Amino acid sequence: MQMVPLIMMGAGTIMSAYGRYQQGKALRNLGNYKADQLEAKADQERAVGQHKAEKRRRQAKLARSRALALSAASGGASDPTSMGIMAGITQEGELNAQYEIYKGEENARTAETGANVARYEGEQAYQAGKIGVFSTILQGAGMGLGQYNTMMGKYAPAPAPDPWAAGDAFMPGILR
């Protein structure tokens, strides 16, 4: 009956250590999940940037076509001023398209950095959980050993008397 508290303490220590390990594992899985989501977002940001760039190019092409039509209607489709305006529209359209690609890429890099941070945090939490397992086991072992020593001191048999401590009263007639 006197060993029941020690057994319960040992079982509690093992359960606590297992809980620490599972917590670390769950946090690592959560970090990986967040990272996967952020990587998917990075791919979407790149696709959005490409789509917006194509839209800007189409808008520039339509503006150039309209400028050419207006220029032709006024009889100056091939004069240097009209050609300069159309070249400016083309350049502006391409600049806008490149800007959209840049924004998409920048947003994607930000998401990828977040993914790397989430994976790192998850891995650190997992490592901390593993260290916590050993810490919990050592703490439980120390407490159990203290409890065992207290229990053994309480229930230990009385030590045998030392025959030399009592002197002559214990063994009369024997000289030392």
N, C-alpha and C. Protein backbone atom coordinates (compact mmCIF):
# COMPACT_ATOMS: atom_id res chain seq x y z
N MET A 1 0.81 -1.19 0.00
CA MET A 1 0.00 0.00 0.00
C MET A 1 0.86 1.26 0.00
N GLN A 2 2.04 1.17 0.62
CA GLN A 2 2.89 2.34 0.71
C GLN A 2 3.55 2.68 -0.63
N MET A 3 3.52 1.78 -1.60
CA MET A 3 4.13 2.04 -2.91
C MET A 3 3.15 2.72 -3.88
N VAL A 4 1.87 2.76 -3.54
CA VAL A 4 0.85 3.33 -4.42
C VAL A 4 1.18 4.79 -4.78
N PRO A 5 1.54 5.66 -3.82
CA PRO A 5 1.86 7.03 -4.21
C PRO A 5 3.03 7.11 -5.19
N LEU A 6 4.01 6.25 -5.02
CA LEU A 6 5.15 6.26 -5.95
C LEU A 6 4.73 5.81 -7.34
N ILE A 7 3.90 4.82 -7.41
CA ILE A 7 3.43 4.33 -8.71
C ILE A 7 2.59 5.41 -9.39
N MET A 8 1.73 6.05 -8.62
CA MET A 8 0.91 7.12 -9.20
C MET A 8 1.77 8.29 -9.65
N MET A 9 2.81 8.62 -8.89
CA MET A 9 3.71 9.71 -9.28
C MET A 9 4.44 9.35 -10.58
N GLY A 10 4.87 8.10 -10.67
CA GLY A 10 5.55 7.65 -11.89
C GLY A 10 4.63 7.70 -13.09
N ALA A 11 3.38 7.24 -12.91
CA ALA A 11 2.41 7.26 -14.01
C ALA A 11 2.10 8.70 -14.42
N GLY A 12 1.97 9.59 -13.45
CA GLY A 12 1.72 11.00 -13.75
C GLY A 12 2.88 11.63 -14.51
N THR A 13 4.09 11.27 -14.12
CA THR A 13 5.28 11.80 -14.81
C THR A 13 5.31 11.34 -16.26
N ILE A 14 5.01 10.06 -16.47
CA ILE A 14 5.02 9.52 -17.83
C ILE A 14 3.93 10.20 -18.68
N MET A 15 2.76 10.37 -18.10
CA MET A 15 1.67 11.02 -18.85
C MET A 15 2.01 12.48 -19.17
N SER A 16 2.61 13.16 -18.22
CA SER A 16 2.99 14.56 -18.44
C SER A 16 4.06 14.65 -19.53
N ALA A 17 5.04 13.75 -19.48
CA ALA A 17 6.10 13.75 -20.50
C ALA A 17 5.51 13.48 -21.88
N TYR A 18 4.59 12.53 -21.95
CA TYR A 18 3.95 12.21 -23.23
C TYR A 18 3.15 13.41 -23.74
N GLY A 19 2.48 14.10 -22.84
CA GLY A 19 1.74 15.30 -23.22
C GLY A 19 2.65 16.39 -23.78
N ARG A 20 3.81 16.57 -23.18
CA ARG A 20 4.77 17.57 -23.67
C ARG A 20 5.24 17.20 -25.08
N TYR A 21 5.49 15.92 -25.29
CA TYR A 21 5.94 15.46 -26.60
C TYR A 21 4.84 15.69 -27.64
N GLN A 22 3.60 15.32 -27.31
CA GLN A 22 2.49 15.49 -28.24
C GLN A 22 2.24 16.97 -28.55
N GLN A 23 2.41 17.81 -27.54
CA GLN A 23 2.22 19.25 -27.75
C GLN A 23 3.26 19.77 -28.75
N GLY A 24 4.51 19.37 -28.57
CA GLY A 24 5.55 19.79 -29.51
C GLY A 24 5.28 19.29 -30.92
N LYS A 25 4.83 18.05 -31.02
CA LYS A 25 4.52 17.48 -32.32
C LYS A 25 3.35 18.23 -32.99
N ALA A 26 2.34 18.55 -32.19
CA ALA A 26 1.18 19.27 -32.74
C ALA A 26 1.58 20.67 -33.21
N LEU A 27 2.45 21.33 -32.46
CA LEU A 27 2.88 22.68 -32.87
C LEU A 27 3.73 22.62 -34.13
N ARG A 28 4.52 21.56 -34.28
CA ARG A 28 5.29 21.40 -35.52
C ARG A 28 4.34 21.19 -36.69
N ASN A 29 3.32 20.35 -36.50
CA ASN A 29 2.35 20.11 -37.57
C ASN A 29 1.59 21.39 -37.92
N LEU A 30 1.25 22.18 -36.91
CA LEU A 30 0.58 23.46 -37.14
C LEU A 30 1.48 24.40 -37.94
N GLY A 31 2.76 24.45 -37.59
CA GLY A 31 3.70 25.29 -38.33
C GLY A 31 3.81 24.86 -39.78
N ASN A 32 3.85 23.55 -40.01
CA ASN A 32 3.91 23.05 -41.39
C ASN A 32 2.63 23.37 -42.15
N TYR A 33 1.48 23.28 -41.48
CA TYR A 33 0.21 23.60 -42.13
C TYR A 33 0.17 25.08 -42.53
N LYS A 34 0.57 25.95 -41.59
CA LYS A 34 0.61 27.38 -41.90
C LYS A 34 1.56 27.65 -43.06
N ALA A 35 2.70 26.98 -43.05
CA ALA A 35 3.67 27.18 -44.12
C ALA A 35 3.10 26.75 -45.47
N ASP A 36 2.40 25.62 -45.48
CA ASP A 36 1.79 25.16 -46.73
C ASP A 36 0.77 26.17 -47.24
N GLN A 37 -0.01 26.74 -46.33
CA GLN A 37 -1.01 27.73 -46.72
C GLN A 37 -0.33 28.98 -47.28
N LEU A 38 0.74 29.41 -46.65
CA LEU A 38 1.45 30.60 -47.12
C LEU A 38 2.15 30.35 -48.46
N GLU A 39 2.64 29.15 -48.68
CA GLU A 39 3.24 28.83 -49.98
C GLU A 39 2.19 28.83 -51.08
N ALA A 40 1.00 28.33 -50.76
CA ALA A 40 -0.10 28.37 -51.74
C ALA A 40 -0.47 29.83 -52.03
N LYS A 41 -0.47 30.66 -50.99
CA LYS A 41 -0.77 32.08 -51.19
C LYS A 41 0.30 32.73 -52.08
N ALA A 42 1.55 32.33 -51.91
CA ALA A 42 2.63 32.89 -52.74
C ALA A 42 2.38 32.56 -54.21
N ASP A 43 1.98 31.33 -54.48
CA ASP A 43 1.68 30.94 -55.87
C ASP A 43 0.51 31.77 -56.42
N GLN A 44 -0.50 31.99 -55.58
CA GLN A 44 -1.64 32.79 -56.02
C GLN A 44 -1.24 34.23 -56.29
N GLU A 45 -0.38 34.78 -55.45
CA GLU A 45 0.06 36.17 -55.65
C GLU A 45 0.81 36.32 -56.97
N ARG A 46 1.64 35.33 -57.29
CA ARG A 46 2.35 35.38 -58.58
C ARG A 46 1.36 35.33 -59.74
N ALA A 47 0.36 34.45 -59.63
CA ALA A 47 -0.63 34.31 -60.69
C ALA A 47 -1.45 35.60 -60.84
N VAL A 48 -1.79 36.22 -59.72
CA VAL A 48 -2.54 37.49 -59.77
C VAL A 48 -1.70 38.56 -60.46
N GLY A 49 -0.41 38.61 -60.13
CA GLY A 49 0.48 39.59 -60.77
C GLY A 49 0.56 39.38 -62.27
N GLN A 50 0.66 38.13 -62.70
CA GLN A 50 0.71 37.82 -64.14
C GLN A 50 -0.61 38.21 -64.82
N HIS A 51 -1.71 37.90 -64.15
CA HIS A 51 -3.03 38.23 -64.73
C HIS A 51 -3.20 39.74 -64.88
N LYS A 52 -2.82 40.48 -63.85
CA LYS A 52 -2.93 41.94 -63.91
C LYS A 52 -2.01 42.51 -64.97
N ALA A 53 -0.84 41.92 -65.14
CA ALA A 53 0.09 42.40 -66.17
C ALA A 53 -0.52 42.22 -67.56
N GLU A 54 -1.11 41.06 -67.79
CA GLU A 54 -1.75 40.83 -69.10
C GLU A 54 -2.91 41.81 -69.32
N LYS A 55 -3.64 42.09 -68.24
CA LYS A 55 -4.74 43.05 -68.35
C LYS A 55 -4.20 44.44 -68.72
N ARG A 56 -3.09 44.85 -68.11
CA ARG A 56 -2.48 46.16 -68.43
C ARG A 56 -2.01 46.19 -69.89
N ARG A 57 -1.46 45.10 -70.37
CA ARG A 57 -0.99 45.05 -71.77
C ARG A 57 -2.19 45.15 -72.73
N ARG A 58 -3.27 44.45 -72.38
CA ARG A 58 -4.48 44.54 -73.22
C ARG A 58 -5.02 45.96 -73.24
N GLN A 59 -5.04 46.61 -72.08
CA GLN A 59 -5.52 48.00 -72.02
C GLN A 59 -4.65 48.91 -72.88
N ALA A 60 -3.35 48.70 -72.83
CA ALA A 60 -2.43 49.52 -73.64
C ALA A 60 -2.66 49.26 -75.13
N LYS A 61 -2.89 48.00 -75.47
CA LYS A 61 -3.12 47.65 -76.87
C LYS A 61 -4.40 48.31 -77.38
N LEU A 62 -5.45 48.30 -76.53
CA LEU A 62 -6.71 48.95 -76.92
C LEU A 62 -6.53 50.46 -77.04
N ALA A 63 -5.79 51.06 -76.12
CA ALA A 63 -5.54 52.51 -76.17
C ALA A 63 -4.74 52.87 -77.42
N ARG A 64 -3.75 52.05 -77.76
CA ARG A 64 -2.95 52.29 -78.96
C ARG A 64 -3.81 52.16 -80.21
N SER A 65 -4.67 51.17 -80.23
CA SER A 65 -5.57 50.95 -81.37
C SER A 65 -6.52 52.14 -81.53
N ARG A 66 -7.05 52.61 -80.40
CA ARG A 66 -7.96 53.77 -80.46
C ARG A 66 -7.21 55.01 -80.95
N ALA A 67 -5.98 55.19 -80.45
CA ALA A 67 -5.19 56.35 -80.88
C ALA A 67 -4.89 56.27 -82.38
N LEU A 68 -4.60 55.08 -82.87
CA LEU A 68 -4.33 54.90 -84.30
C LEU A 68 -5.59 55.20 -85.12
N ALA A 69 -6.73 54.73 -84.63
CA ALA A 69 -7.98 54.98 -85.36
C ALA A 69 -8.30 56.47 -85.39
N LEU A 70 -8.14 57.15 -84.26
CA LEU A 70 -8.40 58.59 -84.23
C LEU A 70 -7.42 59.34 -85.11
N SER A 71 -6.19 58.89 -85.08
CA SER A 71 -5.15 59.53 -85.89
C SER A 71 -5.42 59.33 -87.38
N ALA A 72 -5.84 58.13 -87.74
CA ALA A 72 -6.16 57.85 -89.15
C ALA A 72 -7.38 58.63 -89.60
N ALA A 73 -8.34 58.77 -88.71
CA ALA A 73 -9.56 59.52 -89.06
C ALA A 73 -9.25 60.99 -89.31
N SER A 74 -8.23 61.49 -88.62
CA SER A 74 -7.88 62.90 -88.82
C SER A 74 -6.85 63.07 -89.93
N GLY A 75 -6.40 61.95 -90.51
CA GLY A 75 -5.49 62.02 -91.65
C GLY A 75 -4.02 62.05 -91.27
N GLY A 76 -3.68 61.80 -90.03
CA GLY A 76 -2.26 61.86 -89.64
C GLY A 76 -1.79 60.58 -88.99
N ALA A 77 -2.20 59.44 -89.52
CA ALA A 77 -1.88 58.16 -88.90
C ALA A 77 -0.39 57.88 -88.87
N SER A 78 0.34 58.39 -89.85
CA SER A 78 1.76 58.06 -89.90
C SER A 78 2.66 59.25 -89.59
N ASP A 79 2.09 60.35 -89.11
CA ASP A 79 2.97 61.49 -88.82
C ASP A 79 3.74 61.22 -87.52
N PRO A 80 4.87 61.88 -87.32
CA PRO A 80 5.73 61.61 -86.17
C PRO A 80 5.05 61.83 -84.82
N THR A 81 4.15 62.77 -84.71
CA THR A 81 3.47 63.02 -83.44
C THR A 81 2.59 61.84 -83.06
N SER A 82 1.82 61.34 -84.02
CA SER A 82 0.95 60.18 -83.77
C SER A 82 1.78 58.95 -83.42
N MET A 83 2.87 58.76 -84.13
CA MET A 83 3.75 57.61 -83.86
C MET A 83 4.35 57.71 -82.46
N GLY A 84 4.71 58.93 -82.06
CA GLY A 84 5.27 59.14 -80.73
C GLY A 84 4.26 58.85 -79.63
N ILE A 85 3.00 59.28 -79.88
CA ILE A 85 1.94 59.02 -78.89
C ILE A 85 1.71 57.52 -78.75
N MET A 86 1.66 56.82 -79.87
CA MET A 86 1.44 55.36 -79.82
C MET A 86 2.61 54.64 -79.14
N ALA A 87 3.83 55.10 -79.39
CA ALA A 87 5.00 54.49 -78.74
C ALA A 87 4.94 54.75 -77.23
N GLY A 88 4.51 55.95 -76.85
CA GLY A 88 4.38 56.27 -75.42
C GLY A 88 3.32 55.40 -74.75
N ILE A 89 2.22 55.15 -75.45
CA ILE A 89 1.16 54.30 -74.90
C ILE A 89 1.71 52.87 -74.70
N THR A 90 2.46 52.38 -75.68
CA THR A 90 3.04 51.04 -75.58
C THR A 90 4.01 50.95 -74.41
N GLN A 91 4.87 51.95 -74.29
CA GLN A 91 5.84 51.95 -73.18
C GLN A 91 5.15 52.03 -71.82
N GLU A 92 4.16 52.90 -71.73
CA GLU A 92 3.42 53.05 -70.46
C GLU A 92 2.69 51.75 -70.11
N GLY A 93 2.11 51.11 -71.09
CA GLY A 93 1.41 49.84 -70.86
C GLY A 93 2.36 48.76 -70.37
N GLU A 94 3.56 48.70 -70.99
CA GLU A 94 4.53 47.69 -70.57
C GLU A 94 5.07 48.00 -69.18
N LEU A 95 5.28 49.27 -68.87
CA LEU A 95 5.73 49.67 -67.53
C LEU A 95 4.69 49.27 -66.48
N ASN A 96 3.42 49.53 -66.77
CA ASN A 96 2.36 49.13 -65.85
C ASN A 96 2.31 47.61 -65.68
N ALA A 97 2.50 46.88 -66.77
CA ALA A 97 2.50 45.42 -66.70
C ALA A 97 3.66 44.92 -65.84
N GLN A 98 4.84 45.48 -66.04
CA GLN A 98 6.00 45.06 -65.24
C GLN A 98 5.80 45.40 -63.76
N TYR A 99 5.14 46.51 -63.49
CA TYR A 99 4.86 46.88 -62.11
C TYR A 99 3.93 45.86 -61.45
N GLU A 100 2.92 45.41 -62.17
CA GLU A 100 2.00 44.40 -61.63
C GLU A 100 2.73 43.08 -61.36
N ILE A 101 3.64 42.71 -62.24
CA ILE A 101 4.44 41.50 -62.02
C ILE A 101 5.31 41.66 -60.77
N TYR A 102 5.91 42.84 -60.64
CA TYR A 102 6.74 43.13 -59.46
C TYR A 102 5.92 43.03 -58.18
N LYS A 103 4.73 43.64 -58.17
CA LYS A 103 3.88 43.60 -56.97
C LYS A 103 3.52 42.15 -56.62
N GLY A 104 3.16 41.36 -57.63
CA GLY A 104 2.83 39.96 -57.39
C GLY A 104 4.00 39.18 -56.83
N GLU A 105 5.18 39.43 -57.39
CA GLU A 105 6.39 38.73 -56.92
C GLU A 105 6.74 39.16 -55.50
N GLU A 106 6.60 40.44 -55.21
CA GLU A 106 6.90 40.94 -53.86
C GLU A 106 5.95 40.33 -52.83
N ASN A 107 4.67 40.27 -53.17
CA ASN A 107 3.69 39.65 -52.27
C ASN A 107 3.99 38.17 -52.09
N ALA A 108 4.43 37.51 -53.15
CA ALA A 108 4.77 36.09 -53.07
C ALA A 108 5.98 35.88 -52.16
N ARG A 109 6.98 36.74 -52.28
CA ARG A 109 8.17 36.61 -51.42
C ARG A 109 7.81 36.82 -49.95
N THR A 110 6.93 37.76 -49.69
CA THR A 110 6.49 38.00 -48.32
C THR A 110 5.80 36.75 -47.76
N ALA A 111 4.95 36.14 -48.56
CA ALA A 111 4.26 34.92 -48.12
C ALA A 111 5.26 33.78 -47.91
N GLU A 112 6.25 33.65 -48.80
CA GLU A 112 7.26 32.59 -48.65
C GLU A 112 8.10 32.80 -47.40
N THR A 113 8.41 34.05 -47.08
CA THR A 113 9.15 34.34 -45.85
C THR A 113 8.31 33.92 -44.64
N GLY A 114 7.03 34.23 -44.67
CA GLY A 114 6.13 33.80 -43.60
C GLY A 114 6.08 32.29 -43.48
N ALA A 115 6.11 31.60 -44.62
CA ALA A 115 6.11 30.13 -44.60
C ALA A 115 7.38 29.59 -43.94
N ASN A 116 8.50 30.19 -44.27
CA ASN A 116 9.77 29.75 -43.66
C ASN A 116 9.76 29.99 -42.15
N VAL A 117 9.23 31.13 -41.74
CA VAL A 117 9.15 31.44 -40.30
C VAL A 117 8.23 30.45 -39.60
N ALA A 118 7.08 30.13 -40.21
CA ALA A 118 6.13 29.19 -39.60
C ALA A 118 6.76 27.81 -39.45
N ARG A 119 7.49 27.36 -40.46
CA ARG A 119 8.16 26.05 -40.35
C ARG A 119 9.21 26.08 -39.25
N TYR A 120 9.98 27.15 -39.18
CA TYR A 120 11.02 27.27 -38.16
C TYR A 120 10.40 27.27 -36.76
N GLU A 121 9.34 28.05 -36.58
CA GLU A 121 8.69 28.10 -35.26
C GLU A 121 8.14 26.73 -34.88
N GLY A 122 7.55 26.03 -35.83
CA GLY A 122 7.02 24.69 -35.56
C GLY A 122 8.12 23.72 -35.17
N GLU A 123 9.24 23.81 -35.86
CA GLU A 123 10.36 22.90 -35.53
C GLU A 123 10.94 23.23 -34.17
N GLN A 124 11.02 24.52 -33.85
CA GLN A 124 11.53 24.91 -32.53
C GLN A 124 10.59 24.44 -31.41
N ALA A 125 9.29 24.52 -31.64
CA ALA A 125 8.33 24.05 -30.65
C ALA A 125 8.45 22.54 -30.47
N TYR A 126 8.70 21.83 -31.55
CA TYR A 126 8.88 20.37 -31.46
C TYR A 126 10.13 20.04 -30.65
N GLN A 127 11.22 20.75 -30.92
CA GLN A 127 12.46 20.52 -30.16
C GLN A 127 12.25 20.85 -28.68
N ALA A 128 11.53 21.93 -28.41
CA ALA A 128 11.25 22.30 -27.02
C ALA A 128 10.40 21.23 -26.34
N GLY A 129 9.49 20.64 -27.08
CA GLY A 129 8.67 19.56 -26.54
C GLY A 129 9.52 18.35 -26.17
N LYS A 130 10.48 18.03 -27.04
CA LYS A 130 11.35 16.88 -26.74
C LYS A 130 12.21 17.16 -25.51
N ILE A 131 12.71 18.36 -25.40
CA ILE A 131 13.50 18.72 -24.22
C ILE A 131 12.60 18.70 -22.98
N GLY A 132 11.37 19.15 -23.13
CA GLY A 132 10.42 19.13 -22.03
C GLY A 132 10.13 17.72 -21.53
N VAL A 133 10.16 16.75 -22.43
CA VAL A 133 9.96 15.35 -22.03
C VAL A 133 11.03 14.95 -21.02
N PHE A 134 12.28 15.21 -21.36
CA PHE A 134 13.37 14.83 -20.46
C PHE A 134 13.32 15.63 -19.17
N SER A 135 12.98 16.88 -19.26
CA SER A 135 12.87 17.72 -18.07
C SER A 135 11.79 17.17 -17.13
N THR A 136 10.65 16.81 -17.71
CA THR A 136 9.56 16.27 -16.90
C THR A 136 9.95 14.94 -16.26
N ILE A 137 10.62 14.10 -17.01
CA ILE A 137 11.04 12.80 -16.46
C ILE A 137 12.05 13.01 -15.33
N LEU A 138 13.02 13.89 -15.53
CA LEU A 138 14.01 14.14 -14.47
C LEU A 138 13.35 14.73 -13.23
N GLN A 139 12.43 15.65 -13.44
CA GLN A 139 11.73 16.26 -12.31
C GLN A 139 10.91 15.22 -11.56
N GLY A 140 10.20 14.38 -12.29
CA GLY A 140 9.40 13.32 -11.66
C GLY A 140 10.28 12.31 -10.94
N ALA A 141 11.41 11.98 -11.54
CA ALA A 141 12.32 11.03 -10.89
C ALA A 141 12.87 11.61 -9.60
N GLY A 142 13.21 12.89 -9.61
CA GLY A 142 13.72 13.53 -8.40
C GLY A 142 12.67 13.56 -7.30
N MET A 143 11.45 13.89 -7.67
CA MET A 143 10.37 13.92 -6.68
C MET A 143 10.09 12.51 -6.17
N GLY A 144 10.09 11.53 -7.06
CA GLY A 144 9.85 10.15 -6.66
C GLY A 144 10.93 9.63 -5.74
N LEU A 145 12.16 9.97 -6.02
CA LEU A 145 13.27 9.54 -5.17
C LEU A 145 13.16 10.18 -3.79
N GLY A 146 12.78 11.43 -3.75
CA GLY A 146 12.58 12.09 -2.45
C GLY A 146 11.46 11.43 -1.67
N GLN A 147 10.36 11.11 -2.37
CA GLN A 147 9.23 10.44 -1.72
C GLN A 147 9.65 9.05 -1.23
N TYR A 148 10.43 8.34 -2.02
CA TYR A 148 10.89 7.00 -1.65
C TYR A 148 11.78 7.08 -0.41
N ASN A 149 12.70 8.04 -0.39
CA ASN A 149 13.59 8.17 0.77
C ASN A 149 12.81 8.51 2.03
N THR A 150 11.82 9.38 1.89
CA THR A 150 10.99 9.73 3.04
C THR A 150 10.22 8.50 3.53
N MET A 151 9.68 7.76 2.59
CA MET A 151 8.92 6.57 2.94
C MET A 151 9.81 5.51 3.59
N MET A 152 10.99 5.32 3.06
CA MET A 152 11.89 4.30 3.61
C MET A 152 12.38 4.72 5.00
N GLY A 153 12.55 6.00 5.22
CA GLY A 153 12.95 6.46 6.55
C GLY A 153 11.84 6.24 7.56
N LYS A 154 10.61 6.35 7.14
CA LYS A 154 9.46 6.20 8.02
C LYS A 154 9.20 4.74 8.35
N TYR A 155 9.36 3.86 7.37
CA TYR A 155 9.01 2.46 7.55
C TYR A 155 10.21 1.54 7.69
N ALA A 156 11.40 2.09 7.67
CA ALA A 156 12.59 1.26 7.77
C ALA A 156 12.69 0.65 9.17
N PRO A 157 13.25 -0.55 9.27
CA PRO A 157 13.41 -1.15 10.59
C PRO A 157 14.43 -0.35 11.40
N ALA A 158 14.26 -0.42 12.71
CA ALA A 158 15.19 0.29 13.60
C ALA A 158 16.56 -0.33 13.46
N PRO A 159 17.61 0.48 13.46
CA PRO A 159 18.95 -0.08 13.33
C PRO A 159 19.32 -0.91 14.57
N ALA A 160 20.13 -1.92 14.38
CA ALA A 160 20.59 -2.77 15.49
C ALA A 160 21.48 -1.94 16.40
N PRO A 161 21.41 -2.18 17.70
CA PRO A 161 22.26 -1.40 18.61
C PRO A 161 23.73 -1.71 18.40
N ASP A 162 24.53 -0.70 18.57
CA ASP A 162 25.97 -0.86 18.44
C ASP A 162 26.50 -1.40 19.77
N PRO A 163 27.12 -2.57 19.75
CA PRO A 163 27.57 -3.15 21.02
C PRO A 163 28.66 -2.33 21.68
N TRP A 164 29.38 -1.57 20.98
CA TRP A 164 30.48 -0.81 21.57
C TRP A 164 30.02 0.55 22.08
N ALA A 165 28.85 0.97 21.67
CA ALA A 165 28.36 2.27 22.09
C ALA A 165 27.91 2.27 23.54
N ALA A 166 27.40 1.16 24.03
CA ALA A 166 26.87 1.11 25.39
C ALA A 166 27.95 0.92 26.45
N GLY A 167 29.13 0.57 26.06
CA GLY A 167 30.24 0.40 27.02
C GLY A 167 30.08 -0.85 27.89
N ASP A 168 30.51 -0.75 29.09
CA ASP A 168 30.52 -1.89 29.99
C ASP A 168 29.14 -2.32 30.42
N ALA A 169 28.18 -1.41 30.38
CA ALA A 169 26.83 -1.78 30.79
C ALA A 169 26.25 -2.82 29.84
N PHE A 170 26.65 -2.77 28.63
CA PHE A 170 26.10 -3.71 27.66
C PHE A 170 26.75 -5.07 27.80
N MET A 171 28.05 -5.14 27.97
CA MET A 171 28.77 -6.39 28.07
C MET A 171 29.69 -6.34 29.30
N PRO A 172 29.16 -6.58 30.43
CA PRO A 172 29.97 -6.50 31.62
C PRO A 172 31.11 -7.50 31.60
N GLY A 173 32.21 -7.13 32.08
CA GLY A 173 33.35 -8.01 32.19
C GLY A 173 34.25 -8.01 30.97
N ILE A 174 33.89 -7.32 29.90
CA ILE A 174 34.76 -7.29 28.74
C ILE A 174 35.49 -5.97 28.75
N LEU A 175 36.75 -6.10 28.68
CA LEU A 175 37.58 -4.89 28.67
C LEU A 175 37.78 -4.39 27.24
N ARG A 176 37.94 -3.18 27.16
CA ARG A 176 38.18 -2.59 25.85
C ARG A 176 39.60 -2.29 25.68
